[in-house]
C-alpha cells in the first residue's frame, strides 16, 4: 500500500467523519463527542509530522474510516447518499478556496487567534465552536456553492447546532486541504474508489481493535 493512498485515506476519513457528524446533528440534534472533538482539534494541527498526527491516533478516526468505507462501497441508505454529497461538496469548496490564497490566510489567522480559547476551554466549548462557525460564515459561506444541509428543522434551527455544523464543515475543508496535499484528486474517488474503500475498512478494523487494548 503506497504511502500516498494511506495518507489520502486518513485525510478522507477526517473529511467524512466531519460530514457524518453534520448529518447526525441535522437529523438527531447531537454529535458523538469524541468524533466531534477529533474534527475540531484537526483545525489546530498546523505543523503535523505526518497525516495521522492531525487527528491523533487511529482510533480517533474510527467513525470516519467506517463511514468512508460504507459510502464508497454502497450508497443504499439515504444517510450514505447525504454524507457522500457533503463530502464531495467539501472537496469542491476546497478547490475553490485554493484559488483564493488571501482568504486562506484569513482563515489561518483567525483559527490561530481561536487557539487561545481552545487551550483554555477545550475543543468542544461553545465559545470556540461559535468562533469557528463565524470563520466559516465570513469566508466559505461567501462562495456561490453553498452546502445545503438537510435534516429535522427543529434541530437545524437551534443556534448551537447551526454553529456546530459550520465548525464541522470548516474542519471538513481542513481535511480536504490535507487530502489534496497528499495527492488526492477528485477522479480518484471514481477510479480508485475500491482501493480507498478497502484500505479504509482495513484501518477501521485496526482502529476498532486499538479501542479494546
N, C-alpha and C. Protein backbone atom coordinates (compact mmCIF):
# COMPACT_ATOMS: atom_id res chain seq x y z
N UNK A 1 0.85 -1.20 0.00
CA UNK A 1 0.00 0.00 0.00
C UNK A 1 0.88 1.25 0.00
N UNK A 2 0.73 2.09 -1.04
CA UNK A 2 1.59 3.26 -1.14
C UNK A 2 1.26 4.25 -0.03
N UNK A 3 2.30 4.99 0.35
CA UNK A 3 2.12 5.98 1.42
C UNK A 3 1.05 7.00 1.04
N UNK A 4 1.03 7.36 -0.25
CA UNK A 4 0.07 8.40 -0.65
C UNK A 4 -1.37 7.91 -0.49
N UNK A 5 -1.65 6.67 -0.88
CA UNK A 5 -3.02 6.13 -0.70
C UNK A 5 -3.35 6.07 0.79
N UNK A 6 -2.37 5.68 1.59
CA UNK A 6 -2.57 5.61 3.04
C UNK A 6 -2.92 6.99 3.60
N UNK A 7 -2.11 7.99 3.25
CA UNK A 7 -2.34 9.35 3.73
C UNK A 7 -3.65 9.92 3.21
N UNK A 8 -3.93 9.65 1.94
CA UNK A 8 -5.18 10.14 1.34
C UNK A 8 -6.39 9.53 2.06
N UNK A 9 -6.29 8.25 2.39
CA UNK A 9 -7.39 7.56 3.08
C UNK A 9 -7.62 8.17 4.46
N UNK A 10 -6.54 8.45 5.18
CA UNK A 10 -6.67 9.08 6.50
C UNK A 10 -7.33 10.45 6.40
N UNK A 11 -6.89 11.25 5.41
CA UNK A 11 -7.45 12.60 5.24
C UNK A 11 -8.92 12.53 4.83
N UNK A 12 -9.25 11.59 3.94
CA UNK A 12 -10.65 11.41 3.54
C UNK A 12 -11.50 10.94 4.72
N UNK A 13 -10.91 10.10 5.57
CA UNK A 13 -11.63 9.65 6.78
C UNK A 13 -11.95 10.85 7.67
N UNK A 14 -10.99 11.77 7.80
CA UNK A 14 -11.23 13.00 8.57
C UNK A 14 -12.37 13.81 7.96
N UNK A 15 -12.35 13.92 6.63
CA UNK A 15 -13.38 14.67 5.92
C UNK A 15 -14.76 14.03 6.13
N UNK A 16 -14.82 12.70 5.96
CA UNK A 16 -16.11 12.02 6.08
C UNK A 16 -16.57 11.87 7.53
N UNK A 17 -15.63 11.95 8.46
CA UNK A 17 -16.02 11.98 9.88
C UNK A 17 -16.78 13.28 10.16
N UNK A 18 -16.25 14.38 9.62
CA UNK A 18 -16.93 15.68 9.78
C UNK A 18 -18.30 15.65 9.10
N UNK A 19 -18.35 15.10 7.88
CA UNK A 19 -19.61 15.03 7.12
C UNK A 19 -20.65 14.17 7.86
N UNK A 20 -20.20 13.07 8.44
CA UNK A 20 -21.11 12.18 9.18
C UNK A 20 -21.65 12.87 10.43
N UNK A 21 -20.81 13.68 11.08
CA UNK A 21 -21.26 14.40 12.27
C UNK A 21 -22.28 15.48 11.90
N UNK A 22 -22.08 16.12 10.74
CA UNK A 22 -23.04 17.11 10.24
C UNK A 22 -24.40 16.43 10.02
N UNK A 23 -24.36 15.26 9.37
CA UNK A 23 -25.59 14.53 9.07
C UNK A 23 -26.30 14.11 10.37
N UNK A 24 -25.53 13.65 11.33
CA UNK A 24 -26.08 13.21 12.61
C UNK A 24 -26.72 14.38 13.36
N UNK A 25 -26.03 15.51 13.37
CA UNK A 25 -26.56 16.72 14.03
C UNK A 25 -27.87 17.17 13.39
N UNK A 26 -27.88 17.15 12.05
CA UNK A 26 -29.05 17.64 11.31
C UNK A 26 -30.29 16.77 11.56
N UNK A 27 -30.07 15.48 11.74
CA UNK A 27 -31.20 14.57 11.90
C UNK A 27 -31.53 14.25 13.36
N UNK A 28 -30.49 14.21 14.21
CA UNK A 28 -30.71 13.79 15.59
C UNK A 28 -30.46 14.89 16.62
N UNK A 29 -29.84 15.98 16.17
CA UNK A 29 -29.58 17.09 17.09
C UNK A 29 -28.47 16.83 18.08
N UNK A 30 -27.62 15.86 17.78
CA UNK A 30 -26.50 15.57 18.69
C UNK A 30 -25.29 15.07 17.90
N UNK A 31 -24.13 15.16 18.54
CA UNK A 31 -22.88 14.66 17.94
C UNK A 31 -22.33 13.53 18.80
N UNK A 32 -21.40 12.77 18.23
CA UNK A 32 -20.61 11.82 19.02
C UNK A 32 -19.43 12.62 19.55
N UNK A 33 -19.38 12.81 20.87
CA UNK A 33 -18.43 13.77 21.47
C UNK A 33 -16.99 13.55 21.01
N UNK A 34 -16.52 12.31 21.03
CA UNK A 34 -15.11 12.05 20.68
C UNK A 34 -14.85 12.35 19.21
N UNK A 35 -15.78 11.98 18.32
CA UNK A 35 -15.62 12.24 16.89
C UNK A 35 -15.64 13.73 16.60
N UNK A 36 -16.54 14.43 17.26
CA UNK A 36 -16.66 15.88 17.08
C UNK A 36 -15.36 16.57 17.50
N UNK A 37 -14.86 16.17 18.66
CA UNK A 37 -13.63 16.78 19.18
C UNK A 37 -12.44 16.52 18.25
N UNK A 38 -12.35 15.31 17.70
CA UNK A 38 -11.27 14.99 16.75
C UNK A 38 -11.33 15.93 15.55
N UNK A 39 -12.53 16.16 15.03
CA UNK A 39 -12.70 17.06 13.88
C UNK A 39 -12.25 18.48 14.20
N UNK A 40 -12.71 19.00 15.33
CA UNK A 40 -12.38 20.38 15.70
C UNK A 40 -10.88 20.51 16.00
N UNK A 41 -10.32 19.53 16.69
CA UNK A 41 -8.89 19.56 17.03
C UNK A 41 -8.02 19.60 15.77
N UNK A 42 -8.49 18.94 14.71
CA UNK A 42 -7.68 18.88 13.47
C UNK A 42 -7.43 20.27 12.88
N UNK A 43 -8.31 21.21 13.18
CA UNK A 43 -8.13 22.57 12.66
C UNK A 43 -6.89 23.26 13.23
N UNK A 44 -6.46 22.79 14.38
CA UNK A 44 -5.34 23.45 15.07
C UNK A 44 -4.01 22.73 14.86
N UNK A 45 -4.03 21.63 14.11
CA UNK A 45 -2.79 20.88 13.82
C UNK A 45 -2.14 21.48 12.58
N UNK A 46 -1.37 22.54 12.79
CA UNK A 46 -0.84 23.28 11.64
C UNK A 46 0.51 22.77 11.13
N UNK A 47 1.30 22.16 12.00
CA UNK A 47 2.59 21.62 11.54
C UNK A 47 2.74 20.16 11.95
N UNK A 48 1.88 19.28 11.44
CA UNK A 48 1.93 17.88 11.87
C UNK A 48 3.11 17.13 11.26
N UNK A 49 3.74 16.22 12.03
CA UNK A 49 4.83 15.42 11.47
C UNK A 49 4.35 14.44 10.40
N UNK A 50 3.09 14.03 10.49
CA UNK A 50 2.51 13.14 9.48
C UNK A 50 0.99 13.32 9.49
N UNK A 51 0.32 12.66 8.55
CA UNK A 51 -1.12 12.86 8.38
C UNK A 51 -1.92 12.43 9.61
N UNK A 52 -1.58 11.28 10.17
CA UNK A 52 -2.35 10.78 11.31
C UNK A 52 -2.30 11.74 12.49
N UNK A 53 -1.16 12.42 12.66
CA UNK A 53 -1.00 13.35 13.80
C UNK A 53 -2.03 14.48 13.80
N UNK A 54 -2.58 14.80 12.63
CA UNK A 54 -3.60 15.85 12.55
C UNK A 54 -4.82 15.45 13.38
N UNK A 55 -5.08 14.16 13.45
CA UNK A 55 -6.29 13.66 14.11
C UNK A 55 -6.04 13.02 15.47
N UNK A 56 -4.79 12.65 15.73
CA UNK A 56 -4.46 11.98 16.99
C UNK A 56 -4.02 10.56 16.72
N UNK A 57 -4.78 9.59 17.22
CA UNK A 57 -4.46 8.19 16.97
C UNK A 57 -5.50 7.61 16.01
N UNK A 58 -5.21 6.39 15.51
CA UNK A 58 -6.10 5.76 14.55
C UNK A 58 -7.52 5.62 15.10
N UNK A 59 -7.62 5.31 16.40
CA UNK A 59 -8.96 5.13 16.99
C UNK A 59 -9.78 6.41 16.95
N UNK A 60 -9.11 7.57 16.89
CA UNK A 60 -9.84 8.84 16.82
C UNK A 60 -10.55 9.01 15.48
N UNK A 61 -10.12 8.26 14.48
CA UNK A 61 -10.71 8.33 13.14
C UNK A 61 -11.63 7.15 12.84
N UNK A 62 -11.93 6.36 13.86
CA UNK A 62 -12.70 5.13 13.64
C UNK A 62 -14.02 5.39 12.91
N UNK A 63 -14.77 6.39 13.37
CA UNK A 63 -16.06 6.70 12.74
C UNK A 63 -15.89 7.12 11.29
N UNK A 64 -14.87 7.93 11.04
CA UNK A 64 -14.63 8.41 9.68
C UNK A 64 -14.20 7.30 8.73
N UNK A 65 -13.36 6.41 9.22
CA UNK A 65 -12.90 5.28 8.39
C UNK A 65 -14.05 4.35 8.04
N UNK A 66 -14.90 4.07 9.03
CA UNK A 66 -16.07 3.21 8.79
C UNK A 66 -17.03 3.87 7.79
N UNK A 67 -17.28 5.16 8.00
CA UNK A 67 -18.18 5.90 7.11
C UNK A 67 -17.62 5.94 5.69
N UNK A 68 -16.34 6.24 5.57
CA UNK A 68 -15.69 6.32 4.25
C UNK A 68 -15.84 5.00 3.49
N UNK A 69 -15.56 3.90 4.18
CA UNK A 69 -15.68 2.58 3.56
C UNK A 69 -17.11 2.33 3.10
N UNK A 70 -18.08 2.71 3.94
CA UNK A 70 -19.50 2.50 3.61
C UNK A 70 -19.95 3.32 2.41
N UNK A 71 -19.64 4.63 2.44
CA UNK A 71 -20.19 5.49 1.38
C UNK A 71 -19.54 5.23 0.03
N UNK A 72 -18.30 4.72 0.03
CA UNK A 72 -17.65 4.44 -1.25
C UNK A 72 -18.06 3.09 -1.82
N UNK A 73 -18.55 2.19 -0.98
CA UNK A 73 -18.90 0.85 -1.49
C UNK A 73 -20.39 0.70 -1.75
N UNK A 74 -21.23 1.31 -0.93
CA UNK A 74 -22.65 1.23 -1.27
C UNK A 74 -23.40 2.43 -0.73
N UNK A 75 -24.18 3.01 -1.59
CA UNK A 75 -25.00 4.15 -1.18
C UNK A 75 -26.47 3.72 -1.12
N UNK A 76 -26.69 2.62 -0.42
CA UNK A 76 -28.05 2.06 -0.33
C UNK A 76 -28.92 2.88 0.62
N UNK A 77 -28.30 3.44 1.65
CA UNK A 77 -29.06 4.19 2.66
C UNK A 77 -29.08 5.68 2.30
N UNK A 78 -30.22 6.34 2.54
CA UNK A 78 -30.27 7.80 2.33
C UNK A 78 -29.17 8.52 3.11
N UNK A 79 -28.85 8.00 4.31
CA UNK A 79 -27.79 8.61 5.13
C UNK A 79 -26.47 8.64 4.37
N UNK A 80 -26.12 7.51 3.72
CA UNK A 80 -24.85 7.44 2.99
C UNK A 80 -24.81 8.41 1.82
N UNK A 81 -25.94 8.52 1.13
CA UNK A 81 -26.03 9.45 -0.02
C UNK A 81 -25.83 10.89 0.45
N UNK A 82 -26.46 11.24 1.57
CA UNK A 82 -26.31 12.59 2.14
C UNK A 82 -24.87 12.87 2.52
N UNK A 83 -24.26 11.93 3.23
CA UNK A 83 -22.87 12.12 3.68
C UNK A 83 -21.94 12.24 2.49
N UNK A 84 -22.16 11.41 1.47
CA UNK A 84 -21.32 11.49 0.26
C UNK A 84 -21.47 12.85 -0.40
N UNK A 85 -22.68 13.35 -0.46
CA UNK A 85 -22.92 14.68 -1.06
C UNK A 85 -22.16 15.76 -0.28
N UNK A 86 -22.23 15.71 1.04
CA UNK A 86 -21.49 16.68 1.84
C UNK A 86 -19.98 16.58 1.57
N UNK A 87 -19.49 15.34 1.53
CA UNK A 87 -18.06 15.12 1.30
C UNK A 87 -17.60 15.68 -0.03
N UNK A 88 -18.36 15.40 -1.09
CA UNK A 88 -17.99 15.89 -2.43
C UNK A 88 -18.09 17.41 -2.51
N UNK A 89 -19.10 17.98 -1.84
CA UNK A 89 -19.22 19.44 -1.79
C UNK A 89 -18.03 20.09 -1.08
N UNK A 90 -17.58 19.46 -0.01
CA UNK A 90 -16.42 19.99 0.73
C UNK A 90 -15.17 19.98 -0.14
N UNK A 91 -15.01 18.91 -0.91
CA UNK A 91 -13.84 18.82 -1.81
C UNK A 91 -13.91 19.91 -2.88
N UNK A 92 -15.13 20.16 -3.37
CA UNK A 92 -15.33 21.21 -4.38
C UNK A 92 -15.04 22.60 -3.80
N UNK A 93 -15.51 22.84 -2.58
CA UNK A 93 -15.26 24.13 -1.92
C UNK A 93 -13.77 24.34 -1.68
N UNK A 94 -13.08 23.26 -1.29
CA UNK A 94 -11.64 23.37 -1.05
C UNK A 94 -10.91 23.76 -2.33
N UNK A 95 -11.34 23.22 -3.46
CA UNK A 95 -10.65 23.55 -4.72
C UNK A 95 -10.89 25.02 -5.08
N UNK A 96 -12.06 25.55 -4.73
CA UNK A 96 -12.32 26.99 -4.95
C UNK A 96 -11.49 27.84 -3.99
N UNK A 97 -11.38 27.37 -2.76
CA UNK A 97 -10.61 28.09 -1.74
C UNK A 97 -9.13 28.17 -2.12
N UNK A 98 -8.63 27.12 -2.75
CA UNK A 98 -7.22 27.09 -3.15
C UNK A 98 -6.87 28.21 -4.13
N UNK A 99 -7.88 28.69 -4.85
CA UNK A 99 -7.65 29.78 -5.80
C UNK A 99 -7.76 31.15 -5.12
N UNK A 100 -8.00 31.13 -3.81
CA UNK A 100 -8.16 32.39 -3.06
C UNK A 100 -7.17 32.42 -1.89
N UNK A 101 -5.86 32.56 -2.21
CA UNK A 101 -4.85 32.50 -1.14
C UNK A 101 -5.06 33.52 -0.03
N UNK A 102 -5.64 34.70 -0.40
CA UNK A 102 -5.86 35.73 0.63
C UNK A 102 -6.91 35.27 1.64
N UNK A 103 -7.92 34.52 1.15
CA UNK A 103 -8.94 34.00 2.06
C UNK A 103 -8.37 32.89 2.93
N UNK A 104 -7.52 32.06 2.34
CA UNK A 104 -6.84 31.00 3.11
C UNK A 104 -6.04 31.62 4.25
N UNK A 105 -5.37 32.73 3.97
CA UNK A 105 -4.58 33.42 5.01
C UNK A 105 -5.48 33.91 6.14
N UNK A 106 -6.62 34.49 5.77
CA UNK A 106 -7.56 35.00 6.79
C UNK A 106 -8.05 33.86 7.68
N UNK A 107 -8.40 32.74 7.04
CA UNK A 107 -8.88 31.57 7.80
C UNK A 107 -7.79 31.10 8.76
N UNK A 108 -6.56 31.02 8.26
CA UNK A 108 -5.42 30.59 9.08
C UNK A 108 -5.20 31.51 10.27
N UNK A 109 -5.26 32.82 10.01
CA UNK A 109 -5.06 33.81 11.09
C UNK A 109 -6.14 33.68 12.16
N UNK A 110 -7.39 33.53 11.71
CA UNK A 110 -8.49 33.50 12.67
C UNK A 110 -8.53 32.20 13.47
N UNK A 111 -8.12 31.11 12.84
CA UNK A 111 -8.02 29.85 13.59
C UNK A 111 -6.91 29.97 14.64
N UNK A 112 -5.83 30.63 14.25
CA UNK A 112 -4.72 30.83 15.18
C UNK A 112 -5.14 31.68 16.38
N UNK A 113 -5.98 32.68 16.11
CA UNK A 113 -6.49 33.53 17.20
C UNK A 113 -7.39 32.72 18.14
N UNK A 114 -8.09 31.73 17.57
CA UNK A 114 -9.01 30.91 18.38
C UNK A 114 -8.26 29.87 19.21
N UNK A 115 -6.98 29.69 18.94
CA UNK A 115 -6.18 28.68 19.65
C UNK A 115 -6.19 28.92 21.17
N UNK A 116 -6.16 30.18 21.55
CA UNK A 116 -6.16 30.54 22.97
C UNK A 116 -7.42 29.99 23.66
N UNK A 117 -8.57 30.16 23.00
CA UNK A 117 -9.84 29.65 23.54
C UNK A 117 -9.80 28.13 23.64
N UNK A 118 -9.26 27.49 22.59
CA UNK A 118 -9.17 26.01 22.59
C UNK A 118 -8.30 25.51 23.74
N UNK A 119 -7.17 26.19 23.95
CA UNK A 119 -6.25 25.79 25.02
C UNK A 119 -6.89 25.93 26.40
N UNK A 120 -7.71 26.96 26.56
CA UNK A 120 -8.31 27.22 27.87
C UNK A 120 -9.56 26.42 28.16
N UNK A 121 -10.40 26.26 27.14
CA UNK A 121 -11.72 25.68 27.38
C UNK A 121 -11.91 24.29 26.77
N UNK A 122 -10.99 23.87 25.89
CA UNK A 122 -11.16 22.58 25.22
C UNK A 122 -11.84 22.74 23.86
N UNK A 123 -11.85 21.66 23.09
CA UNK A 123 -12.28 21.74 21.69
C UNK A 123 -13.79 21.68 21.50
N UNK A 124 -14.54 21.37 22.54
CA UNK A 124 -15.99 21.25 22.37
C UNK A 124 -16.74 22.44 22.97
N UNK A 125 -16.01 23.39 23.53
CA UNK A 125 -16.64 24.51 24.22
C UNK A 125 -17.43 25.40 23.25
N UNK A 126 -18.59 25.86 23.70
CA UNK A 126 -19.47 26.63 22.81
C UNK A 126 -18.82 27.93 22.32
N UNK A 127 -17.96 28.56 23.15
CA UNK A 127 -17.26 29.78 22.71
C UNK A 127 -16.38 29.50 21.50
N UNK A 128 -15.64 28.40 21.57
CA UNK A 128 -14.74 28.03 20.47
C UNK A 128 -15.56 27.68 19.23
N UNK A 129 -16.61 26.88 19.44
CA UNK A 129 -17.43 26.42 18.31
C UNK A 129 -18.07 27.61 17.59
N UNK A 130 -18.61 28.57 18.35
CA UNK A 130 -19.24 29.72 17.70
C UNK A 130 -18.19 30.61 17.01
N UNK A 131 -16.99 30.66 17.58
CA UNK A 131 -15.89 31.38 16.95
C UNK A 131 -15.53 30.77 15.59
N UNK A 132 -15.40 29.44 15.57
CA UNK A 132 -15.06 28.75 14.31
C UNK A 132 -16.20 28.83 13.31
N UNK A 133 -17.44 28.80 13.82
CA UNK A 133 -18.60 28.93 12.93
C UNK A 133 -18.59 30.29 12.23
N UNK A 134 -18.19 31.33 12.96
CA UNK A 134 -18.15 32.67 12.35
C UNK A 134 -17.04 32.76 11.31
N UNK A 135 -15.95 32.02 11.50
CA UNK A 135 -14.89 31.97 10.48
C UNK A 135 -15.47 31.40 9.18
N UNK A 136 -16.25 30.32 9.31
CA UNK A 136 -16.88 29.69 8.14
C UNK A 136 -17.85 30.66 7.46
N UNK A 137 -18.68 31.31 8.27
CA UNK A 137 -19.69 32.24 7.73
C UNK A 137 -19.05 33.39 6.97
N UNK A 138 -17.97 33.93 7.52
CA UNK A 138 -17.33 35.11 6.92
C UNK A 138 -16.50 34.78 5.69
N UNK A 139 -16.17 33.50 5.49
CA UNK A 139 -15.28 33.15 4.38
C UNK A 139 -15.94 32.17 3.40
N UNK A 140 -16.00 30.92 3.77
CA UNK A 140 -16.50 29.87 2.87
C UNK A 140 -17.96 30.12 2.45
N UNK A 141 -18.76 30.66 3.37
CA UNK A 141 -20.19 30.90 3.07
C UNK A 141 -20.40 31.95 1.99
N UNK A 142 -19.34 32.71 1.67
CA UNK A 142 -19.49 33.75 0.64
C UNK A 142 -19.36 33.18 -0.77
N UNK A 143 -18.95 31.92 -0.90
CA UNK A 143 -18.84 31.30 -2.22
C UNK A 143 -20.24 31.04 -2.80
N UNK A 144 -20.29 30.98 -4.12
CA UNK A 144 -21.58 30.70 -4.77
C UNK A 144 -22.09 29.31 -4.40
N UNK A 145 -21.16 28.33 -4.37
CA UNK A 145 -21.56 26.98 -3.97
C UNK A 145 -21.81 26.97 -2.46
N UNK A 146 -23.03 26.64 -2.09
CA UNK A 146 -23.37 26.56 -0.67
C UNK A 146 -23.79 25.13 -0.35
N UNK A 147 -23.33 24.62 0.77
CA UNK A 147 -23.72 23.27 1.17
C UNK A 147 -25.11 23.33 1.79
N UNK A 148 -26.05 22.63 1.17
CA UNK A 148 -27.42 22.58 1.70
C UNK A 148 -27.51 21.42 2.69
N UNK A 149 -27.60 21.75 3.97
CA UNK A 149 -27.71 20.71 4.99
C UNK A 149 -29.18 20.39 5.20
N UNK A 150 -29.53 19.12 5.05
CA UNK A 150 -30.93 18.72 5.20
C UNK A 150 -31.09 17.87 6.46
N UNK A 151 -32.26 17.96 7.06
CA UNK A 151 -32.50 17.18 8.28
C UNK A 151 -33.79 17.61 8.94
N UNK A 152 -33.83 17.47 10.25
CA UNK A 152 -35.01 17.85 11.04
C UNK A 152 -34.95 19.35 11.31
N UNK A 153 -35.95 20.12 10.82
CA UNK A 153 -35.92 21.58 11.01
C UNK A 153 -35.82 21.99 12.48
N UNK A 154 -36.39 21.18 13.37
CA UNK A 154 -36.33 21.52 14.81
C UNK A 154 -34.89 21.50 15.32
N UNK A 155 -34.08 20.59 14.79
CA UNK A 155 -32.67 20.54 15.20
C UNK A 155 -31.86 21.64 14.48
N UNK A 156 -32.19 21.85 13.21
CA UNK A 156 -31.40 22.80 12.41
C UNK A 156 -31.59 24.25 12.85
N UNK A 157 -32.75 24.56 13.45
CA UNK A 157 -32.96 25.96 13.83
C UNK A 157 -32.37 26.29 15.21
N UNK A 158 -31.85 25.29 15.92
CA UNK A 158 -31.18 25.56 17.20
C UNK A 158 -29.81 26.18 16.89
N UNK A 159 -29.57 27.36 17.43
CA UNK A 159 -28.36 28.12 17.08
C UNK A 159 -27.07 27.34 17.38
N UNK A 160 -27.06 26.63 18.52
CA UNK A 160 -25.86 25.85 18.87
C UNK A 160 -25.58 24.76 17.84
N UNK A 161 -26.63 24.13 17.33
CA UNK A 161 -26.46 23.09 16.30
C UNK A 161 -25.95 23.70 15.00
N UNK A 162 -26.50 24.86 14.64
CA UNK A 162 -26.06 25.54 13.41
C UNK A 162 -24.57 25.89 13.51
N UNK A 163 -24.15 26.35 14.69
CA UNK A 163 -22.73 26.70 14.90
C UNK A 163 -21.85 25.46 14.80
N UNK A 164 -22.30 24.36 15.40
CA UNK A 164 -21.53 23.11 15.33
C UNK A 164 -21.40 22.63 13.89
N UNK A 165 -22.48 22.75 13.12
CA UNK A 165 -22.45 22.32 11.72
C UNK A 165 -21.42 23.14 10.94
N UNK A 166 -21.43 24.45 11.13
CA UNK A 166 -20.46 25.30 10.40
C UNK A 166 -19.03 24.99 10.82
N UNK A 167 -18.82 24.77 12.11
CA UNK A 167 -17.47 24.43 12.59
C UNK A 167 -17.01 23.09 12.00
N UNK A 168 -17.94 22.13 11.90
CA UNK A 168 -17.62 20.83 11.31
C UNK A 168 -17.31 20.95 9.82
N UNK A 169 -18.05 21.80 9.13
CA UNK A 169 -17.79 21.99 7.69
C UNK A 169 -16.40 22.62 7.49
N UNK A 170 -16.03 23.53 8.39
CA UNK A 170 -14.68 24.11 8.33
C UNK A 170 -13.63 23.03 8.54
N UNK A 171 -13.88 22.13 9.50
CA UNK A 171 -12.96 21.02 9.75
C UNK A 171 -12.91 20.08 8.55
N UNK A 172 -14.06 19.89 7.89
CA UNK A 172 -14.09 19.05 6.69
C UNK A 172 -13.22 19.63 5.59
N UNK A 173 -13.23 20.95 5.45
CA UNK A 173 -12.39 21.61 4.44
C UNK A 173 -10.92 21.47 4.80
N UNK A 174 -10.62 21.53 6.09
CA UNK A 174 -9.24 21.30 6.56
C UNK A 174 -8.76 19.92 6.08
N UNK A 175 -9.62 18.91 6.22
CA UNK A 175 -9.26 17.56 5.77
C UNK A 175 -9.16 17.48 4.25
N UNK A 176 -10.01 18.24 3.55
CA UNK A 176 -9.94 18.26 2.08
C UNK A 176 -8.61 18.88 1.62
N UNK A 177 -8.15 19.91 2.33
CA UNK A 177 -6.84 20.51 2.04
C UNK A 177 -5.75 19.46 2.21
N UNK A 178 -5.83 18.73 3.32
CA UNK A 178 -4.84 17.69 3.62
C UNK A 178 -4.86 16.59 2.56
N UNK A 179 -6.06 16.23 2.14
CA UNK A 179 -6.23 15.20 1.11
C UNK A 179 -5.56 15.64 -0.19
N UNK A 180 -5.78 16.88 -0.57
CA UNK A 180 -5.17 17.40 -1.80
C UNK A 180 -3.65 17.46 -1.66
N UNK A 181 -3.18 17.87 -0.48
CA UNK A 181 -1.72 17.95 -0.25
C UNK A 181 -1.06 16.58 -0.34
N UNK A 182 -1.81 15.53 0.00
CA UNK A 182 -1.22 14.18 -0.05
C UNK A 182 -1.48 13.50 -1.41
N UNK A 183 -1.87 14.31 -2.39
CA UNK A 183 -2.00 13.79 -3.75
C UNK A 183 -3.41 13.39 -4.14
N UNK A 184 -4.40 13.64 -3.27
CA UNK A 184 -5.78 13.27 -3.57
C UNK A 184 -6.37 14.13 -4.68
N UNK A 185 -7.04 13.49 -5.63
CA UNK A 185 -7.70 14.18 -6.73
C UNK A 185 -9.10 13.60 -6.91
N UNK A 186 -10.01 14.43 -7.41
CA UNK A 186 -11.42 14.00 -7.49
C UNK A 186 -11.62 12.75 -8.35
N UNK A 187 -10.85 12.65 -9.42
CA UNK A 187 -11.04 11.48 -10.30
C UNK A 187 -10.75 10.17 -9.57
N UNK A 188 -9.88 10.24 -8.54
CA UNK A 188 -9.54 9.01 -7.80
C UNK A 188 -10.74 8.45 -7.04
N UNK A 189 -11.67 9.35 -6.68
CA UNK A 189 -12.87 8.89 -5.97
C UNK A 189 -13.75 8.05 -6.89
N UNK A 190 -13.51 8.16 -8.20
CA UNK A 190 -14.24 7.32 -9.15
C UNK A 190 -13.40 6.09 -9.49
N UNK A 191 -12.15 6.32 -9.91
CA UNK A 191 -11.35 5.23 -10.47
C UNK A 191 -10.59 4.42 -9.43
N UNK A 192 -10.28 5.04 -8.27
CA UNK A 192 -9.55 4.28 -7.23
C UNK A 192 -10.44 4.08 -6.02
N UNK A 193 -11.76 4.15 -6.25
CA UNK A 193 -12.70 4.10 -5.14
C UNK A 193 -12.59 2.81 -4.33
N UNK A 194 -12.50 1.70 -5.05
CA UNK A 194 -12.46 0.40 -4.36
C UNK A 194 -11.20 0.28 -3.49
N UNK A 195 -10.08 0.72 -4.04
CA UNK A 195 -8.81 0.64 -3.31
C UNK A 195 -8.88 1.45 -2.00
N UNK A 196 -9.41 2.66 -2.11
CA UNK A 196 -9.54 3.53 -0.92
C UNK A 196 -10.52 2.92 0.09
N UNK A 197 -11.65 2.41 -0.42
CA UNK A 197 -12.66 1.81 0.46
C UNK A 197 -12.10 0.61 1.21
N UNK A 198 -11.33 -0.23 0.50
CA UNK A 198 -10.74 -1.42 1.13
C UNK A 198 -9.73 -1.03 2.19
N UNK A 199 -8.90 -0.03 1.87
CA UNK A 199 -7.89 0.40 2.85
C UNK A 199 -8.57 1.03 4.07
N UNK A 200 -9.64 1.79 3.83
CA UNK A 200 -10.39 2.40 4.94
C UNK A 200 -10.98 1.31 5.85
N UNK A 201 -11.52 0.26 5.23
CA UNK A 201 -12.12 -0.84 6.01
C UNK A 201 -11.05 -1.55 6.84
N UNK A 202 -9.87 -1.73 6.25
CA UNK A 202 -8.76 -2.38 6.96
C UNK A 202 -8.31 -1.52 8.15
N UNK A 203 -8.18 -0.21 7.93
CA UNK A 203 -7.77 0.71 9.00
C UNK A 203 -8.85 0.81 10.09
N UNK A 204 -10.12 0.74 9.67
CA UNK A 204 -11.22 0.77 10.65
C UNK A 204 -11.13 -0.44 11.58
N UNK A 205 -10.76 -1.58 10.99
CA UNK A 205 -10.60 -2.81 11.79
C UNK A 205 -9.48 -2.62 12.82
N UNK A 206 -8.37 -2.04 12.36
CA UNK A 206 -7.24 -1.78 13.27
C UNK A 206 -7.65 -0.79 14.37
N UNK A 207 -8.42 0.22 13.98
CA UNK A 207 -8.87 1.24 14.95
C UNK A 207 -9.78 0.62 15.99
N UNK A 208 -10.64 -0.29 15.56
CA UNK A 208 -11.55 -0.98 16.49
C UNK A 208 -10.79 -1.83 17.48
N UNK A 209 -9.77 -2.55 16.99
CA UNK A 209 -9.01 -3.41 17.91
C UNK A 209 -8.18 -2.55 18.86
N UNK A 210 -7.75 -1.36 18.41
CA UNK A 210 -6.99 -0.45 19.29
C UNK A 210 -7.86 0.03 20.44
N UNK A 211 -9.19 0.08 20.21
CA UNK A 211 -10.11 0.53 21.26
C UNK A 211 -10.09 -0.38 22.48
N UNK A 212 -9.85 -1.65 22.24
CA UNK A 212 -10.02 -2.63 23.33
C UNK A 212 -8.71 -3.08 23.96
N UNK A 213 -7.62 -2.48 23.53
CA UNK A 213 -6.32 -2.86 24.11
C UNK A 213 -6.04 -2.05 25.36
